[in-house]
Amino acid sequence: MTAPLHGTSAEPDAPADVTATAAGKQVEGRSLGRIAWSRLKRDRLALAGGIVVIFLVLIAVFAPLIVSLFGHPPNQFHQDKINPLFGTPYGSFGGISSEHLLGVEPNNGRDVFSRIVYGARISLLVAFLSAMVAVLIGTVLGIVAGYFGGWVDSLISRVMDMLLAFPQLLFIICLVSVLPNNLLGMTGSTVRITILVAVIGFFGWPYIGRIVRGQTLSLREKEYIEAARSLGAGRRYVLFKELLPNLVAPITVYTTLMIPTNILTEAALSYLGAGVRPPTASWGQMLSKAVDSYEADPTFMVVPGMAIFVTVLAFNLFGDGVRDALDPKGTR
């Protein structure tokens, strides 16, 4: 006859503390933000791009101070630096000297360094503001189209298709050619900047709108959305409290990739004469004026061209790094 199982076996030991590691340290969970930051820190190219972006933003913000310390007023002529016979600066490499760090422009002698610094203001201002306009419109209409579906989705999607097929550059050139110098209390380059921001942002929102719509179509079928509806949450709450926070990652990524595109668009329009009005400094405008003198000295084309190249490259590297860091399926 066997003895009963109870009463003869010793009680099992208490379970070990699973929250402690072999070193005695407590295991801590990491938020999605910390995971993304740890991934981003390991991407040196993305960090380098982010540092350059921050540096360019600081240059644009403190342009007057930088020019007062290292340059000259951007619209001040220095005819004594120009050869009156050929219209080119004295010296080599566009007249680079300790007084003019990047030389002077041909024919008029304006300081290239000062105009590059102030041109950063125009390019970044137009790029950032137009991206914000596109993100705002695209996010709202994309999430509405994806959530409601039906005729609302069809209408918004057809508007997106129409705008994507519209010749944006030609429209801006035609619009700028008929704009008055004064508009709604604004004058000069302020009118051009406002129009550039509005038009680039308006024609740019379908790109992010399609991404947001596609993500919303997937997210609206998730369990937490159904749970919110079953608890009596209204449409506004579901849209902006449940869906929108889960769309922050793709919106952030596409915004960082949209800004360099807008910089190139502004430079192209200024190059074609549809950007800001002279004598306001703009990188594209400087490239346009450098075409006439690049055979005598290519410096005038290299400096603004490198400014555009470095800025766009920095934003693209940083945007790619942010995309990889926010990818939930990433393994890094």
C-alpha atoms as a PDB file:
ATOM      1  CA  MET A   1       0.000   0.000   0.000  1.00  0.00           C
ATOM      2  CA  THR A   2       1.522   3.244  -1.054  1.00  0.00           C
ATOM      3  CA  ALA A   3       1.620   6.283   1.099  1.00  0.00           C
ATOM      4  CA  PRO A   4      -0.455   9.271   0.064  1.00  0.00           C
ATOM      5  CA  LEU A   5       1.340  11.811  -2.023  1.00  0.00           C
ATOM      6  CA  HIS A   6       0.419  14.670   0.256  1.00  0.00           C
ATOM      7  CA  GLY A   7       2.109  15.037   3.549  1.00  0.00           C
ATOM      8  CA  THR A   8       5.310  13.127   2.640  1.00  0.00           C
ATOM      9  CA  SER A   9       6.871  15.357  -0.039  1.00  0.00           C
ATOM     10  CA  ALA A  10       8.588  18.586   0.894  1.00  0.00           C
ATOM     11  CA  GLU A  11       7.036  21.806  -0.197  1.00  0.00           C
ATOM     12  CA  PRO A  12       8.619  23.239  -3.321  1.00  0.00           C
ATOM     13  CA  ASP A  13      10.874  26.206  -2.844  1.00  0.00           C
ATOM     14  CA  ALA A  14       9.449  29.665  -3.492  1.00  0.00           C
ATOM     15  CA  PRO A  15       9.941  30.765  -7.114  1.00  0.00           C
ATOM     16  CA  ALA A  16      13.002  32.888  -7.738  1.00  0.00           C
ATOM     17  CA  ASP A  17      12.603  36.574  -8.340  1.00  0.00           C
ATOM     18  CA  VAL A  18      12.279  36.739 -12.099  1.00  0.00           C
ATOM     19  CA  THR A  19      12.722  40.458 -12.095  1.00  0.00           C
ATOM     20  CA  ALA A  20      16.330  40.191 -11.028  1.00  0.00           C
ATOM     21  CA  THR A  21      19.256  39.299 -13.222  1.00  0.00           C
ATOM     22  CA  ALA A  22      22.354  37.336 -12.246  1.00  0.00           C
ATOM     23  CA  ALA A  23      24.051  40.601 -11.353  1.00  0.00           C
ATOM     24  CA  GLY A  24      21.175  41.577  -9.083  1.00  0.00           C
ATOM     25  CA  LYS A  25      19.914  44.354 -11.341  1.00  0.00           C
ATOM     26  CA  GLN A  26      16.229  44.810 -11.995  1.00  0.00           C
ATOM     27  CA  VAL A  27      15.057  44.257 -15.548  1.00  0.00           C
ATOM     28  CA  GLU A  28      13.508  47.443 -16.910  1.00  0.00           C
ATOM     29  CA  GLY A  29      11.213  47.732 -19.861  1.00  0.00           C
ATOM     30  CA  ARG A  30      11.984  50.198 -22.639  1.00  0.00           C
ATOM     31  CA  SER A  31       9.517  52.501 -24.291  1.00  0.00           C
ATOM     32  CA  LEU A  32       9.196  52.712 -28.062  1.00  0.00           C
ATOM     33  CA  GLY A  33      10.913  56.090 -27.979  1.00  0.00           C
ATOM     34  CA  ARG A  34      13.949  54.679 -26.153  1.00  0.00           C
ATOM     35  CA  ILE A  35      14.140  51.726 -28.539  1.00  0.00           C
ATOM     36  CA  ALA A  36      14.035  54.076 -31.533  1.00  0.00           C
ATOM     37  CA  TRP A  37      16.692  56.338 -30.014  1.00  0.00           C
ATOM     38  CA  SER A  38      18.980  53.380 -29.296  1.00  0.00           C
ATOM     39  CA  ARG A  39      18.663  52.311 -32.945  1.00  0.00           C
ATOM     40  CA  LEU A  40      19.254  55.824 -34.209  1.00  0.00           C
ATOM     41  CA  LYS A  41      22.389  56.237 -32.086  1.00  0.00           C
ATOM     42  CA  ARG A  42      23.967  53.247 -33.823  1.00  0.00           C
ATOM     43  CA  ASP A  43      23.400  54.780 -37.265  1.00  0.00           C
ATOM     44  CA  ARG A  44      26.365  57.121 -37.625  1.00  0.00           C
ATOM     45  CA  LEU A  45      25.338  58.437 -41.021  1.00  0.00           C
ATOM     46  CA  ALA A  46      21.917  59.414 -39.673  1.00  0.00           C
ATOM     47  CA  LEU A  47      23.485  61.107 -36.654  1.00  0.00           C
ATOM     48  CA  ALA A  48      25.881  62.993 -38.911  1.00  0.00           C
ATOM     49  CA  GLY A  49      22.954  64.107 -41.059  1.00  0.00           C
ATOM     50  CA  GLY A  50      21.025  65.206 -37.967  1.00  0.00           C
ATOM     51  CA  ILE A  51      23.996  67.231 -36.706  1.00  0.00           C
ATOM     52  CA  VAL A  52      24.307  68.976 -40.079  1.00  0.00           C
ATOM     53  CA  VAL A  53      20.563  69.701 -40.091  1.00  0.00           C
ATOM     54  CA  ILE A  54      20.750  71.256 -36.616  1.00  0.00           C
ATOM     55  CA  PHE A  55      23.799  73.264 -37.701  1.00  0.00           C
ATOM     56  CA  LEU A  56      21.961  74.601 -40.775  1.00  0.00           C
ATOM     57  CA  VAL A  57      18.912  75.535 -38.715  1.00  0.00           C
ATOM     58  CA  LEU A  58      21.122  77.447 -36.277  1.00  0.00           C
ATOM     59  CA  ILE A  59      22.780  79.251 -39.191  1.00  0.00           C
ATOM     60  CA  ALA A  60      19.378  80.277 -40.549  1.00  0.00           C
ATOM     61  CA  VAL A  61      18.141  81.452 -37.140  1.00  0.00           C
ATOM     62  CA  PHE A  62      21.274  83.430 -36.269  1.00  0.00           C
ATOM     63  CA  ALA A  63      22.029  84.659 -39.790  1.00  0.00           C
ATOM     64  CA  PRO A  64      22.209  88.383 -38.846  1.00  0.00           C
ATOM     65  CA  LEU A  65      24.655  87.678 -36.020  1.00  0.00           C
ATOM     66  CA  ILE A  66      26.834  85.389 -38.156  1.00  0.00           C
ATOM     67  CA  VAL A  67      26.975  87.896 -41.010  1.00  0.00           C
ATOM     68  CA  SER A  68      27.836  90.761 -38.651  1.00  0.00           C
ATOM     69  CA  LEU A  69      30.778  88.739 -37.296  1.00  0.00           C
ATOM     70  CA  PHE A  70      32.158  87.078 -40.430  1.00  0.00           C
ATOM     71  CA  GLY A  71      30.685  88.840 -43.437  1.00  0.00           C
ATOM     72  CA  HIS A  72      29.105  91.951 -44.887  1.00  0.00           C
ATOM     73  CA  PRO A  73      25.496  92.993 -45.509  1.00  0.00           C
ATOM     74  CA  PRO A  74      24.155  90.637 -48.196  1.00  0.00           C
ATOM     75  CA  ASN A  75      23.068  93.420 -50.547  1.00  0.00           C
ATOM     76  CA  GLN A  76      26.097  95.688 -50.141  1.00  0.00           C
ATOM     77  CA  PHE A  77      28.126  96.222 -53.315  1.00  0.00           C
ATOM     78  CA  HIS A  78      31.937  96.058 -53.328  1.00  0.00           C
ATOM     79  CA  GLN A  79      32.887  97.439 -56.709  1.00  0.00           C
ATOM     80  CA  ASP A  80      36.498  97.880 -55.599  1.00  0.00           C
ATOM     81  CA  LYS A  81      36.780  94.059 -55.596  1.00  0.00           C
ATOM     82  CA  ILE A  82      35.645  93.780 -59.238  1.00  0.00           C
ATOM     83  CA  ASN A  83      37.809  94.087 -62.330  1.00  0.00           C
ATOM     84  CA  PRO A  84      36.007  96.772 -64.364  1.00  0.00           C
ATOM     85  CA  LEU A  85      37.221  95.334 -67.662  1.00  0.00           C
ATOM     86  CA  PHE A  86      35.981  91.745 -67.243  1.00  0.00           C
ATOM     87  CA  GLY A  87      33.469  92.154 -64.416  1.00  0.00           C
ATOM     88  CA  THR A  88      35.117  89.342 -62.423  1.00  0.00           C
ATOM     89  CA  PRO A  89      36.554  89.594 -58.900  1.00  0.00           C
ATOM     90  CA  TYR A  90      40.237  90.249 -58.363  1.00  0.00           C
ATOM     91  CA  GLY A  91      42.233  87.245 -57.196  1.00  0.00           C
ATOM     92  CA  SER A  92      41.552  83.540 -57.566  1.00  0.00           C
ATOM     93  CA  PHE A  93      38.612  81.357 -56.588  1.00  0.00           C
ATOM     94  CA  GLY A  94      36.058  84.141 -56.887  1.00  0.00           C
ATOM     95  CA  GLY A  95      38.026  86.634 -54.793  1.00  0.00           C
ATOM     96  CA  ILE A  96      38.211  84.525 -51.624  1.00  0.00           C
ATOM     97  CA  SER A  97      40.082  86.357 -48.879  1.00  0.00           C
ATOM     98  CA  SER A  98      40.042  86.898 -45.117  1.00  0.00           C
ATOM     99  CA  GLU A  99      37.587  89.739 -45.700  1.00  0.00           C
ATOM    100  CA  HIS A 100      35.299  87.732 -48.001  1.00  0.00           C
ATOM    101  CA  LEU A 101      35.379  84.093 -46.886  1.00  0.00           C
ATOM    102  CA  LEU A 102      33.644  82.726 -50.000  1.00  0.00           C
ATOM    103  CA  GLY A 103      34.543  85.530 -52.393  1.00  0.00           C
ATOM    104  CA  VAL A 104      32.275  88.085 -54.040  1.00  0.00           C
ATOM    105  CA  GLU A 105      29.740  87.907 -56.840  1.00  0.00           C
ATOM    106  CA  PRO A 106      30.804  89.001 -60.320  1.00  0.00           C
ATOM    107  CA  ASN A 107      29.730  92.396 -61.681  1.00  0.00           C
ATOM    108  CA  ASN A 108      28.324  93.706 -58.363  1.00  0.00           C
ATOM    109  CA  GLY A 109      30.731  92.432 -55.680  1.00  0.00           C
ATOM    110  CA  ARG A 110      28.168  91.269 -53.123  1.00  0.00           C
ATOM    111  CA  ASP A 111      29.579  89.011 -50.414  1.00  0.00           C
ATOM    112  CA  VAL A 112      28.902  85.350 -51.295  1.00  0.00           C
ATOM    113  CA  PHE A 113      29.213  84.129 -47.697  1.00  0.00           C
ATOM    114  CA  SER A 114      26.514  86.507 -46.466  1.00  0.00           C
ATOM    115  CA  ARG A 115      24.174  85.603 -49.298  1.00  0.00           C
ATOM    116  CA  ILE A 116      24.679  81.867 -48.682  1.00  0.00           C
ATOM    117  CA  VAL A 117      23.844  82.345 -44.994  1.00  0.00           C
ATOM    118  CA  TYR A 118      20.730  84.408 -45.722  1.00  0.00           C
ATOM    119  CA  GLY A 119      19.796  82.031 -48.542  1.00  0.00           C
ATOM    120  CA  ALA A 120      19.632  79.236 -45.955  1.00  0.00           C
ATOM    121  CA  ARG A 121      16.855  81.206 -44.259  1.00  0.00           C
ATOM    122  CA  ILE A 122      14.748  81.307 -47.408  1.00  0.00           C
ATOM    123  CA  SER A 123      15.298  77.672 -48.382  1.00  0.00           C
ATOM    124  CA  LEU A 124      14.663  76.226 -44.914  1.00  0.00           C
ATOM    125  CA  LEU A 125      11.746  78.557 -44.209  1.00  0.00           C
ATOM    126  CA  VAL A 126       9.926  77.634 -47.415  1.00  0.00           C
ATOM    127  CA  ALA A 127      10.769  73.932 -47.005  1.00  0.00           C
ATOM    128  CA  PHE A 128       9.663  73.675 -43.369  1.00  0.00           C
ATOM    129  CA  LEU A 129       6.466  75.713 -43.700  1.00  0.00           C
ATOM    130  CA  SER A 130       5.343  74.011 -46.908  1.00  0.00           C
ATOM    131  CA  ALA A 131       6.037  70.611 -45.322  1.00  0.00           C
ATOM    132  CA  MET A 132       3.921  71.564 -42.308  1.00  0.00           C
ATOM    133  CA  VAL A 133       1.071  72.639 -44.594  1.00  0.00           C
ATOM    134  CA  ALA A 134       1.289  69.380 -46.544  1.00  0.00           C
ATOM    135  CA  VAL A 135       1.467  67.266 -43.371  1.00  0.00           C
ATOM    136  CA  LEU A 136      -1.516  69.024 -41.784  1.00  0.00           C
ATOM    137  CA  ILE A 137      -3.774  68.699 -44.833  1.00  0.00           C
ATOM    138  CA  GLY A 138      -2.557  65.235 -45.798  1.00  0.00           C
ATOM    139  CA  THR A 139      -2.914  63.813 -42.287  1.00  0.00           C
ATOM    140  CA  VAL A 140      -6.444  65.091 -41.762  1.00  0.00           C
ATOM    141  CA  LEU A 141      -7.774  64.085 -45.174  1.00  0.00           C
ATOM    142  CA  GLY A 142      -5.857  60.804 -45.242  1.00  0.00           C
ATOM    143  CA  ILE A 143      -7.142  59.646 -41.876  1.00  0.00           C
ATOM    144  CA  VAL A 144     -10.699  60.709 -42.744  1.00  0.00           C
ATOM    145  CA  ALA A 145     -10.572  58.866 -46.084  1.00  0.00           C
ATOM    146  CA  GLY A 146      -9.142  55.703 -44.578  1.00  0.00           C
ATOM    147  CA  TYR A 147     -11.490  55.589 -41.588  1.00  0.00           C
ATOM    148  CA  PHE A 148     -14.825  56.423 -43.198  1.00  0.00           C
ATOM    149  CA  GLY A 149     -14.286  54.743 -46.576  1.00  0.00           C
ATOM    150  CA  GLY A 150     -17.136  54.701 -49.077  1.00  0.00           C
ATOM    151  CA  TRP A 151     -17.846  57.823 -51.079  1.00  0.00           C
ATOM    152  CA  VAL A 152     -15.693  59.943 -48.745  1.00  0.00           C
ATOM    153  CA  ASP A 153     -12.672  57.779 -49.543  1.00  0.00           C
ATOM    154  CA  SER A 154     -13.447  57.802 -53.249  1.00  0.00           C
ATOM    155  CA  LEU A 155     -13.793  61.591 -53.368  1.00  0.00           C
ATOM    156  CA  ILE A 156     -10.582  62.322 -51.464  1.00  0.00           C
ATOM    157  CA  SER A 157      -8.653  59.686 -53.421  1.00  0.00           C
ATOM    158  CA  ARG A 158      -9.720  61.155 -56.750  1.00  0.00           C
ATOM    159  CA  VAL A 159      -8.649  64.620 -55.597  1.00  0.00           C
ATOM    160  CA  MET A 160      -5.265  63.147 -54.657  1.00  0.00           C
ATOM    161  CA  ASP A 161      -4.904  61.548 -58.084  1.00  0.00           C
ATOM    162  CA  MET A 162      -5.787  64.811 -59.809  1.00  0.00           C
ATOM    163  CA  LEU A 163      -3.252  66.847 -57.809  1.00  0.00           C
ATOM    164  CA  LEU A 164      -0.518  64.255 -58.330  1.00  0.00           C
ATOM    165  CA  ALA A 165      -1.031  64.533 -62.079  1.00  0.00           C
ATOM    166  CA  PHE A 166      -1.043  68.354 -62.054  1.00  0.00           C
ATOM    167  CA  PRO A 167       2.109  70.150 -63.359  1.00  0.00           C
ATOM    168  CA  GLN A 168       3.149  71.905 -60.155  1.00  0.00           C
ATOM    169  CA  LEU A 169       6.135  73.865 -61.491  1.00  0.00           C
ATOM    170  CA  LEU A 170       4.219  75.224 -64.477  1.00  0.00           C
ATOM    171  CA  PHE A 171       1.332  76.283 -62.243  1.00  0.00           C
ATOM    172  CA  ILE A 172       3.634  78.179 -59.859  1.00  0.00           C
ATOM    173  CA  ILE A 173       5.441  79.902 -62.723  1.00  0.00           C
ATOM    174  CA  CYS A 174       2.134  81.005 -64.267  1.00  0.00           C
ATOM    175  CA  LEU A 175       0.791  82.124 -60.892  1.00  0.00           C
ATOM    176  CA  VAL A 176       3.895  84.131 -59.990  1.00  0.00           C
ATOM    177  CA  SER A 177       3.891  85.885 -63.360  1.00  0.00           C
ATOM    178  CA  VAL A 178       0.506  87.481 -62.638  1.00  0.00           C
ATOM    179  CA  LEU A 179       0.988  88.207 -58.935  1.00  0.00           C
ATOM    180  CA  PRO A 180       0.922  91.855 -57.846  1.00  0.00           C
ATOM    181  CA  ASN A 181       3.676  93.329 -55.709  1.00  0.00           C
ATOM    182  CA  ASN A 182       1.200  93.955 -52.892  1.00  0.00           C
ATOM    183  CA  LEU A 183      -1.163  91.254 -51.661  1.00  0.00           C
ATOM    184  CA  LEU A 184      -3.200  91.190 -48.454  1.00  0.00           C
ATOM    185  CA  GLY A 185      -0.931  93.718 -46.808  1.00  0.00           C
ATOM    186  CA  MET A 186       2.252  91.886 -47.835  1.00  0.00           C
ATOM    187  CA  THR A 187       4.890  93.340 -50.140  1.00  0.00           C
ATOM    188  CA  GLY A 188       7.982  92.252 -52.026  1.00  0.00           C
ATOM    189  CA  SER A 189       9.478  88.847 -51.315  1.00  0.00           C
ATOM    190  CA  THR A 190       6.960  88.177 -48.560  1.00  0.00           C
ATOM    191  CA  VAL A 191       4.288  87.723 -51.248  1.00  0.00           C
ATOM    192  CA  ARG A 192       6.474  85.260 -53.154  1.00  0.00           C
ATOM    193  CA  ILE A 193       7.384  83.280 -50.026  1.00  0.00           C
ATOM    194  CA  THR A 194       3.755  83.028 -48.954  1.00  0.00           C
ATOM    195  CA  ILE A 195       2.683  81.841 -52.396  1.00  0.00           C
ATOM    196  CA  LEU A 196       5.536  79.320 -52.561  1.00  0.00           C
ATOM    197  CA  VAL A 197       4.633  77.885 -49.149  1.00  0.00           C
ATOM    198  CA  ALA A 198       0.931  77.677 -50.004  1.00  0.00           C
ATOM    199  CA  VAL A 199       1.351  76.145 -53.459  1.00  0.00           C
ATOM    200  CA  ILE A 200       4.154  73.684 -52.588  1.00  0.00           C
ATOM    201  CA  GLY A 201       2.281  72.594 -49.470  1.00  0.00           C
ATOM    202  CA  PHE A 202      -1.038  72.277 -51.330  1.00  0.00           C
ATOM    203  CA  PHE A 203       0.436  70.146 -54.101  1.00  0.00           C
ATOM    204  CA  GLY A 204       2.497  68.100 -51.634  1.00  0.00           C
ATOM    205  CA  TRP A 205      -0.225  66.875 -49.296  1.00  0.00           C
ATOM    206  CA  PRO A 206      -1.439  63.999 -51.548  1.00  0.00           C
ATOM    207  CA  TYR A 207       1.892  62.207 -51.102  1.00  0.00           C
ATOM    208  CA  ILE A 208       1.552  61.983 -47.340  1.00  0.00           C
ATOM    209  CA  GLY A 209      -2.239  61.681 -47.604  1.00  0.00           C
ATOM    210  CA  ARG A 210      -1.927  58.384 -49.481  1.00  0.00           C
ATOM    211  CA  ILE A 211       0.448  56.991 -46.861  1.00  0.00           C
ATOM    212  CA  VAL A 212      -1.815  58.011 -43.983  1.00  0.00           C
ATOM    213  CA  ARG A 213      -4.868  56.606 -45.778  1.00  0.00           C
ATOM    214  CA  GLY A 214      -3.182  53.246 -46.314  1.00  0.00           C
ATOM    215  CA  GLN A 215      -2.061  53.020 -42.696  1.00  0.00           C
ATOM    216  CA  THR A 216      -5.523  53.994 -41.481  1.00  0.00           C
ATOM    217  CA  LEU A 217      -7.177  51.268 -43.582  1.00  0.00           C
ATOM    218  CA  SER A 218      -5.005  48.747 -41.755  1.00  0.00           C
ATOM    219  CA  LEU A 219      -5.287  50.209 -38.252  1.00  0.00           C
ATOM    220  CA  ARG A 220      -9.057  50.658 -38.245  1.00  0.00           C
ATOM    221  CA  GLU A 221      -9.497  46.863 -38.136  1.00  0.00           C
ATOM    222  CA  LYS A 222      -7.294  46.413 -35.055  1.00  0.00           C
ATOM    223  CA  GLU A 223      -8.664  45.109 -31.774  1.00  0.00           C
ATOM    224  CA  TYR A 224      -8.071  48.283 -29.802  1.00  0.00           C
ATOM    225  CA  ILE A 225     -10.178  50.249 -32.289  1.00  0.00           C
ATOM    226  CA  GLU A 226     -13.030  47.763 -31.911  1.00  0.00           C
ATOM    227  CA  ALA A 227     -12.620  47.943 -28.117  1.00  0.00           C
ATOM    228  CA  ALA A 228     -12.876  51.735 -28.185  1.00  0.00           C
ATOM    229  CA  ARG A 229     -16.040  51.546 -30.278  1.00  0.00           C
ATOM    230  CA  SER A 230     -17.594  48.946 -27.983  1.00  0.00           C
ATOM    231  CA  LEU A 231     -16.983  51.235 -25.013  1.00  0.00           C
ATOM    232  CA  GLY A 232     -18.948  53.998 -26.738  1.00  0.00           C
ATOM    233  CA  ALA A 233     -16.095  56.127 -28.079  1.00  0.00           C
ATOM    234  CA  GLY A 234     -17.175  58.589 -30.742  1.00  0.00           C
ATOM    235  CA  ARG A 235     -15.622  59.027 -34.158  1.00  0.00           C
ATOM    236  CA  ARG A 236     -13.590  62.065 -33.157  1.00  0.00           C
ATOM    237  CA  TYR A 237     -12.106  60.203 -30.195  1.00  0.00           C
ATOM    238  CA  VAL A 238     -11.209  57.180 -32.319  1.00  0.00           C
ATOM    239  CA  LEU A 239      -9.665  59.330 -35.040  1.00  0.00           C
ATOM    240  CA  PHE A 240      -7.535  61.619 -32.914  1.00  0.00           C
ATOM    241  CA  LYS A 241      -6.990  59.597 -29.714  1.00  0.00           C
ATOM    242  CA  GLU A 242      -6.620  56.068 -31.039  1.00  0.00           C
ATOM    243  CA  LEU A 243      -5.592  56.243 -34.711  1.00  0.00           C
ATOM    244  CA  LEU A 244      -3.520  59.446 -34.875  1.00  0.00           C
ATOM    245  CA  PRO A 245      -0.972  58.491 -32.146  1.00  0.00           C
ATOM    246  CA  ASN A 246      -0.227  55.289 -34.048  1.00  0.00           C
ATOM    247  CA  LEU A 247       0.404  57.296 -37.227  1.00  0.00           C
ATOM    248  CA  VAL A 248       3.063  59.556 -35.700  1.00  0.00           C
ATOM    249  CA  ALA A 249       5.951  57.338 -36.839  1.00  0.00           C
ATOM    250  CA  PRO A 250       5.145  57.247 -40.600  1.00  0.00           C
ATOM    251  CA  ILE A 251       4.175  60.937 -40.554  1.00  0.00           C
ATOM    252  CA  THR A 252       7.475  61.877 -38.902  1.00  0.00           C
ATOM    253  CA  VAL A 253       9.487  59.801 -41.335  1.00  0.00           C
ATOM    254  CA  TYR A 254       7.796  61.194 -44.416  1.00  0.00           C
ATOM    255  CA  THR A 255       8.104  64.762 -43.124  1.00  0.00           C
ATOM    256  CA  THR A 256      11.888  64.419 -42.845  1.00  0.00           C
ATOM    257  CA  LEU A 257      11.970  63.118 -46.410  1.00  0.00           C
ATOM    258  CA  MET A 258       9.595  65.786 -47.730  1.00  0.00           C
ATOM    259  CA  ILE A 259      11.688  68.742 -46.545  1.00  0.00           C
ATOM    260  CA  PRO A 260      14.667  68.113 -48.898  1.00  0.00           C
ATOM    261  CA  THR A 261      12.245  67.717 -51.799  1.00  0.00           C
ATOM    262  CA  ASN A 262      10.773  71.120 -50.974  1.00  0.00           C
ATOM    263  CA  ILE A 263      14.263  72.620 -50.779  1.00  0.00           C
ATOM    264  CA  LEU A 264      14.978  71.402 -54.294  1.00  0.00           C
ATOM    265  CA  THR A 265      11.609  72.697 -55.509  1.00  0.00           C
ATOM    266  CA  GLU A 266      12.273  76.161 -54.085  1.00  0.00           C
ATOM    267  CA  ALA A 267      15.776  76.204 -55.575  1.00  0.00           C
ATOM    268  CA  ALA A 268      14.423  75.172 -58.981  1.00  0.00           C
ATOM    269  CA  LEU A 269      11.755  77.881 -58.897  1.00  0.00           C
ATOM    270  CA  SER A 270      14.276  80.534 -57.848  1.00  0.00           C
ATOM    271  CA  TYR A 271      16.604  79.358 -60.604  1.00  0.00           C
ATOM    272  CA  LEU A 272      13.786  79.834 -63.121  1.00  0.00           C
ATOM    273  CA  GLY A 273      12.963  83.284 -61.739  1.00  0.00           C
ATOM    274  CA  ALA A 274       9.708  82.221 -60.067  1.00  0.00           C
ATOM    275  CA  GLY A 275      11.065  82.283 -56.512  1.00  0.00           C
ATOM    276  CA  VAL A 276      11.775  85.192 -54.218  1.00  0.00           C
ATOM    277  CA  ARG A 277      12.341  88.582 -55.752  1.00  0.00           C
ATOM    278  CA  PRO A 278      15.854  90.029 -56.054  1.00  0.00           C
ATOM    279  CA  PRO A 279      17.806  91.253 -54.195  1.00  0.00           C
ATOM    280  CA  THR A 280      16.617  88.758 -51.541  1.00  0.00           C
ATOM    281  CA  ALA A 281      19.250  86.029 -51.298  1.00  0.00           C
ATOM    282  CA  SER A 282      18.304  82.539 -52.478  1.00  0.00           C
ATOM    283  CA  TRP A 283      20.486  79.573 -53.389  1.00  0.00           C
ATOM    284  CA  GLY A 284      18.606  78.888 -56.601  1.00  0.00           C
ATOM    285  CA  GLN A 285      18.794  82.541 -57.590  1.00  0.00           C
ATOM    286  CA  MET A 286      22.560  82.527 -56.990  1.00  0.00           C
ATOM    287  CA  LEU A 287      22.893  79.486 -59.236  1.00  0.00           C
ATOM    288  CA  SER A 288      20.916  81.245 -61.953  1.00  0.00           C
ATOM    289  CA  LYS A 289      23.246  84.269 -61.882  1.00  0.00           C
ATOM    290  CA  ALA A 290      26.321  82.033 -61.789  1.00  0.00           C
ATOM    291  CA  VAL A 291      25.466  80.522 -65.177  1.00  0.00           C
ATOM    292  CA  ASP A 292      26.658  83.663 -66.970  1.00  0.00           C
ATOM    293  CA  SER A 293      30.088  83.613 -65.308  1.00  0.00           C
ATOM    294  CA  TYR A 294      30.891  79.960 -64.679  1.00  0.00           C
ATOM    295  CA  GLU A 295      33.349  79.843 -67.595  1.00  0.00           C
ATOM    296  CA  ALA A 296      35.423  82.646 -66.070  1.00  0.00           C
ATOM    297  CA  ASP A 297      35.315  81.152 -62.561  1.00  0.00           C
ATOM    298  CA  PRO A 298      33.201  78.116 -61.548  1.00  0.00           C
ATOM    299  CA  THR A 299      33.351  79.124 -57.861  1.00  0.00           C
ATOM    300  CA  PHE A 300      30.128  81.093 -58.189  1.00  0.00           C
ATOM    301  CA  MET A 301      28.282  77.927 -59.203  1.00  0.00           C
ATOM    302  CA  VAL A 302      30.079  75.524 -56.862  1.00  0.00           C
ATOM    303  CA  VAL A 303      29.317  77.383 -53.610  1.00  0.00           C
ATOM    304  CA  PRO A 304      25.485  77.577 -53.842  1.00  0.00           C
ATOM    305  CA  GLY A 305      25.405  74.169 -55.550  1.00  0.00           C
ATOM    306  CA  MET A 306      27.311  72.582 -52.662  1.00  0.00           C
ATOM    307  CA  ALA A 307      25.029  74.333 -50.157  1.00  0.00           C
ATOM    308  CA  ILE A 308      21.979  72.721 -51.778  1.00  0.00           C
ATOM    309  CA  PHE A 309      23.724  69.349 -52.114  1.00  0.00           C
ATOM    310  CA  VAL A 310      24.898  69.175 -48.483  1.00  0.00           C
ATOM    311  CA  THR A 311      21.522  70.304 -47.124  1.00  0.00           C
ATOM    312  CA  VAL A 312      19.492  67.812 -49.149  1.00  0.00           C
ATOM    313  CA  LEU A 313      21.958  64.987 -48.414  1.00  0.00           C
ATOM    314  CA  ALA A 314      21.849  65.702 -44.662  1.00  0.00           C
ATOM    315  CA  PHE A 315      18.052  65.643 -44.570  1.00  0.00           C
ATOM    316  CA  ASN A 316      17.920  62.430 -46.614  1.00  0.00           C
ATOM    317  CA  LEU A 317      20.443  60.650 -44.389  1.00  0.00           C
ATOM    318  CA  PHE A 318      18.631  61.762 -41.264  1.00  0.00           C
ATOM    319  CA  GLY A 319      15.252  60.797 -42.721  1.00  0.00           C
ATOM    320  CA  ASP A 320      16.486  57.327 -43.676  1.00  0.00           C
ATOM    321  CA  GLY A 321      17.860  56.851 -40.171  1.00  0.00           C
ATOM    322  CA  VAL A 322      14.610  57.930 -38.561  1.00  0.00           C
ATOM    323  CA  ARG A 323      12.692  55.551 -40.818  1.00  0.00           C
ATOM    324  CA  ASP A 324      14.906  52.627 -39.802  1.00  0.00           C
ATOM    325  CA  ALA A 325      14.756  53.566 -36.115  1.00  0.00           C
ATOM    326  CA  LEU A 326      10.969  53.735 -36.083  1.00  0.00           C
ATOM    327  CA  ASP A 327      10.523  50.507 -38.043  1.00  0.00           C
ATOM    328  CA  PRO A 328       8.874  48.040 -35.627  1.00  0.00           C
ATOM    329  CA  LYS A 329      10.228  45.120 -37.654  1.00  0.00           C
ATOM    330  CA  GLY A 330      13.792  46.373 -37.484  1.00  0.00           C
ATOM    331  CA  THR A 331      16.386  44.114 -35.952  1.00  0.00           C
ATOM    332  CA  ARG A 332      19.105  46.605 -35.169  1.00  0.00           C
END
